[in-house]
């Protein structure tokens, strides 16, 4: 399934989709006010639409 149709992405998929590095995405997911992280057990998933909104709101990451 294409990335742009998925509701949630893995960290690797979100890095490829957003052109942001894996380490930077992991740092963002650790932030207390991160609204685009979804925990499924020990696994972290990225909410695609919320990540898009976050990147469009911010000028630099």
C-alpha atoms as a PDB file:
ATOM      1  CA  UNK A   1       0.000   0.000   0.000  1.00  0.00           C
ATOM      2  CA  UNK A   2       1.411   3.467  -0.828  1.00  0.00           C
ATOM      3  CA  UNK A   3       2.556   5.628   2.101  1.00  0.00           C
ATOM      4  CA  UNK A   4       0.105   8.418   1.328  1.00  0.00           C
ATOM      5  CA  UNK A   5      -2.852   6.062   1.822  1.00  0.00           C
ATOM      6  CA  UNK A   6      -1.769   4.627   5.181  1.00  0.00           C
ATOM      7  CA  UNK A   7      -3.111   6.016   8.440  1.00  0.00           C
ATOM      8  CA  UNK A   8       0.030   5.160  10.417  1.00  0.00           C
ATOM      9  CA  UNK A   9       3.624   4.692   9.317  1.00  0.00           C
ATOM     10  CA  UNK A  10       6.635   3.001  10.826  1.00  0.00           C
ATOM     11  CA  UNK A  11       9.603   5.205  11.645  1.00  0.00           C
ATOM     12  CA  UNK A  12      11.421   4.059   8.499  1.00  0.00           C
ATOM     13  CA  UNK A  13       8.350   4.689   6.329  1.00  0.00           C
ATOM     14  CA  UNK A  14       7.811   8.133   7.841  1.00  0.00           C
ATOM     15  CA  UNK A  15      11.471   9.008   7.201  1.00  0.00           C
ATOM     16  CA  UNK A  16      11.129   8.017   3.546  1.00  0.00           C
ATOM     17  CA  UNK A  17       7.767   9.786   3.230  1.00  0.00           C
ATOM     18  CA  UNK A  18       8.795  13.073   4.861  1.00  0.00           C
ATOM     19  CA  UNK A  19      12.481  13.161   3.901  1.00  0.00           C
ATOM     20  CA  UNK A  20      13.366  13.611   7.593  1.00  0.00           C
ATOM     21  CA  UNK A  21      16.052  11.374   9.051  1.00  0.00           C
ATOM     22  CA  UNK A  22      15.204   8.366  11.203  1.00  0.00           C
ATOM     23  CA  UNK A  23      17.130   9.727  14.195  1.00  0.00           C
ATOM     24  CA  UNK A  24      15.359  13.083  13.999  1.00  0.00           C
ATOM     25  CA  UNK A  25      11.944  11.414  13.835  1.00  0.00           C
ATOM     26  CA  UNK A  26      12.836   9.274  16.855  1.00  0.00           C
ATOM     27  CA  UNK A  27      13.866  12.452  18.722  1.00  0.00           C
ATOM     28  CA  UNK A  28      10.566  14.123  17.821  1.00  0.00           C
ATOM     29  CA  UNK A  29       8.587  11.084  19.004  1.00  0.00           C
ATOM     30  CA  UNK A  30      10.308  11.289  22.412  1.00  0.00           C
ATOM     31  CA  UNK A  31       9.049  14.837  22.991  1.00  0.00           C
ATOM     32  CA  UNK A  32       6.352  14.996  25.710  1.00  0.00           C
ATOM     33  CA  UNK A  33       3.935  17.011  23.558  1.00  0.00           C
ATOM     34  CA  UNK A  34       4.331  14.936  20.401  1.00  0.00           C
ATOM     35  CA  UNK A  35       0.822  14.524  18.983  1.00  0.00           C
ATOM     36  CA  UNK A  36       1.719  12.235  16.079  1.00  0.00           C
ATOM     37  CA  UNK A  37       3.026   9.206  17.986  1.00  0.00           C
ATOM     38  CA  UNK A  38       0.904   6.090  18.514  1.00  0.00           C
ATOM     39  CA  UNK A  39       2.125   3.339  20.827  1.00  0.00           C
ATOM     40  CA  UNK A  40       1.154  -0.233  19.976  1.00  0.00           C
ATOM     41  CA  UNK A  41       2.751  -2.197  22.787  1.00  0.00           C
ATOM     42  CA  UNK A  42       6.454  -1.326  22.584  1.00  0.00           C
ATOM     43  CA  UNK A  43       6.200  -0.288  18.946  1.00  0.00           C
ATOM     44  CA  UNK A  44       5.994   3.384  17.961  1.00  0.00           C
ATOM     45  CA  UNK A  45       3.953   4.329  14.911  1.00  0.00           C
ATOM     46  CA  UNK A  46       3.639   7.753  13.320  1.00  0.00           C
ATOM     47  CA  UNK A  47       0.228   9.214  12.543  1.00  0.00           C
ATOM     48  CA  UNK A  48       0.681  10.360   8.948  1.00  0.00           C
ATOM     49  CA  UNK A  49      -1.803  13.251   8.840  1.00  0.00           C
ATOM     50  CA  UNK A  50      -0.607  14.672  12.154  1.00  0.00           C
ATOM     51  CA  UNK A  51       3.010  14.475  10.965  1.00  0.00           C
ATOM     52  CA  UNK A  52       2.036  16.368   7.803  1.00  0.00           C
ATOM     53  CA  UNK A  53       0.315  19.040   9.910  1.00  0.00           C
ATOM     54  CA  UNK A  54       3.335  19.288  12.212  1.00  0.00           C
ATOM     55  CA  UNK A  55       5.754  19.793   9.324  1.00  0.00           C
ATOM     56  CA  UNK A  56       3.508  22.374   7.669  1.00  0.00           C
ATOM     57  CA  UNK A  57       3.212  24.380  10.939  1.00  0.00           C
ATOM     58  CA  UNK A  58       6.944  24.506  11.669  1.00  0.00           C
ATOM     59  CA  UNK A  59       9.599  26.329   9.689  1.00  0.00           C
ATOM     60  CA  UNK A  60      12.460  24.301  11.113  1.00  0.00           C
ATOM     61  CA  UNK A  61      12.770  21.043  12.983  1.00  0.00           C
END
